[in-house]
Amino acid sequence: MRLQQPRFEQKSEPDRAQVPCTASSLSDIADKVNHLLAISDTRWWSLAGQTVKQGISRYVKKELSELRARVTRLEGSLSAEKACVAKLEILLLAGHQPRKLSAEKLLRPSRS
């Protein structure tokens, strides 16, 4: 008698058209950006051991990857102009100073 392996359904990516771009979603992304920036602040890392540093680095990379995918899904439901505005709003909500932003940075396509 053979044991059957449980079958897991693969979770598919949500359809780009099904991901609305709302003020709440932009605010959530900005909060995540601030969280990752705080964790990535290496000024206090000298107090941490190598294992902790590697763990933090892996966590930040994983979270950034998920954040990029989320922003890409949002951009998929927007026109180019609205995507540019959404990126600007995300950066502003995350506390970036407007004088540090450039049009080229905003218009540059997201890297996946």
Protein backbone atom coordinates (compact mmCIF):
# COMPACT_ATOMS: atom_id res chain seq x y z
CA MET A 1 0.00 0.00 0.00
CA ARG A 2 1.44 3.32 -1.07
CA LEU A 3 0.95 6.52 0.82
CA GLN A 4 -0.33 9.26 -1.37
CA GLN A 5 1.55 12.51 -1.37
CA PRO A 6 -0.67 15.43 -0.52
CA ARG A 7 -1.28 17.65 -3.51
CA PHE A 8 -0.80 21.33 -3.04
CA GLU A 9 -2.51 23.75 -5.31
CA GLN A 10 -0.16 26.26 -6.77
CA LYS A 11 -1.08 29.78 -5.90
CA SER A 12 -1.15 31.84 -9.01
CA GLU A 13 -0.26 35.49 -9.19
CA PRO A 14 -3.32 37.69 -9.06
CA ASP A 15 -4.37 39.05 -12.40
CA ARG A 16 -2.84 42.50 -12.86
CA ALA A 17 -6.23 44.00 -13.58
CA GLN A 18 -7.51 42.70 -10.24
CA VAL A 19 -5.02 44.69 -8.15
CA PRO A 20 -6.41 48.17 -7.63
CA CYS A 21 -4.09 51.03 -6.80
CA THR A 22 -5.53 52.80 -3.78
CA ALA A 23 -4.21 55.30 -1.26
CA SER A 24 -4.24 52.50 1.29
CA SER A 25 -2.09 50.21 -0.87
CA LEU A 26 0.39 53.04 -1.50
CA SER A 27 0.51 53.79 2.23
CA ASP A 28 1.11 50.11 3.03
CA ILE A 29 3.99 50.01 0.56
CA ALA A 30 5.48 53.20 2.01
CA ASP A 31 5.27 51.72 5.52
CA LYS A 32 7.08 48.60 4.30
CA VAL A 33 9.78 50.76 2.64
CA ASN A 34 10.34 52.63 5.93
CA HIS A 35 10.46 49.33 7.83
CA LEU A 36 13.09 47.90 5.48
CA LEU A 37 15.12 51.11 5.57
CA ALA A 38 15.16 51.00 9.37
CA ILE A 39 16.23 47.35 9.43
CA SER A 40 18.88 48.00 6.78
CA ASP A 41 20.46 50.81 8.81
CA THR A 42 23.92 49.33 9.37
CA ARG A 43 25.05 51.80 12.05
CA TRP A 44 24.07 49.37 14.81
CA TRP A 45 25.13 46.20 12.98
CA SER A 46 28.58 46.25 14.61
CA LEU A 47 26.83 45.06 17.78
CA ALA A 48 25.33 42.05 16.01
CA GLY A 49 27.04 38.77 15.28
CA GLN A 50 27.70 37.48 11.74
CA THR A 51 24.74 35.08 11.86
CA VAL A 52 22.37 37.89 12.80
CA LYS A 53 23.76 40.11 10.02
CA GLN A 54 23.26 37.36 7.44
CA GLY A 55 19.72 36.73 8.68
CA ILE A 56 18.83 40.41 8.46
CA SER A 57 20.31 40.63 4.98
CA ARG A 58 18.32 37.60 3.76
CA TYR A 59 15.12 38.96 5.31
CA VAL A 60 15.54 42.39 3.69
CA LYS A 61 16.29 40.85 0.27
CA LYS A 62 13.20 38.60 0.50
CA GLU A 63 10.95 41.47 1.58
CA LEU A 64 12.31 43.74 -1.17
CA SER A 65 11.61 41.06 -3.74
CA GLU A 66 8.01 40.73 -2.53
CA LEU A 67 7.64 44.52 -2.46
CA ARG A 68 8.91 44.85 -6.05
CA ALA A 69 6.40 42.22 -7.17
CA ARG A 70 3.60 44.04 -5.38
CA VAL A 71 4.51 47.39 -6.96
CA THR A 72 4.74 45.72 -10.37
CA ARG A 73 1.25 44.27 -9.95
CA LEU A 74 -0.05 47.71 -9.01
CA GLU A 75 1.68 49.30 -12.00
CA GLY A 76 0.11 46.70 -14.27
CA SER A 77 -3.29 48.20 -13.56
CA LEU A 78 -2.20 51.77 -14.22
CA SER A 79 -1.31 53.90 -17.20
CA ALA A 80 2.32 55.06 -17.44
CA GLU A 81 1.46 58.50 -16.05
CA LYS A 82 -0.44 57.09 -13.09
CA ALA A 83 2.39 54.63 -12.40
CA CYS A 84 4.83 57.56 -12.27
CA VAL A 85 2.57 59.40 -9.82
CA ALA A 86 2.15 56.23 -7.72
CA LYS A 87 5.94 55.83 -7.47
CA LEU A 88 6.26 59.46 -6.41
CA GLU A 89 3.55 59.02 -3.77
CA ILE A 90 5.24 55.89 -2.44
CA LEU A 91 8.59 57.68 -2.15
CA LEU A 92 7.02 60.73 -0.53
CA LEU A 93 5.03 58.61 1.93
CA ALA A 94 8.25 56.78 2.76
CA GLY A 95 9.83 60.07 3.81
CA HIS A 96 12.07 60.81 0.83
CA GLN A 97 12.74 64.46 0.20
CA PRO A 98 11.30 65.73 -3.12
CA ARG A 99 14.55 67.51 -4.01
CA LYS A 100 16.34 64.13 -4.07
CA LEU A 101 13.94 62.67 -6.61
CA SER A 102 14.56 62.94 -10.31
CA ALA A 103 12.18 62.50 -13.20
CA GLU A 104 14.50 59.85 -14.65
CA LYS A 105 14.24 57.83 -11.45
CA LEU A 106 10.45 57.97 -11.50
CA LEU A 107 10.10 57.16 -15.19
CA ARG A 108 12.58 54.29 -15.10
CA PRO A 109 10.75 50.96 -15.44
CA SER A 110 10.73 48.79 -12.33
CA ARG A 111 13.32 46.04 -12.22
CA SER A 112 11.89 42.59 -11.65
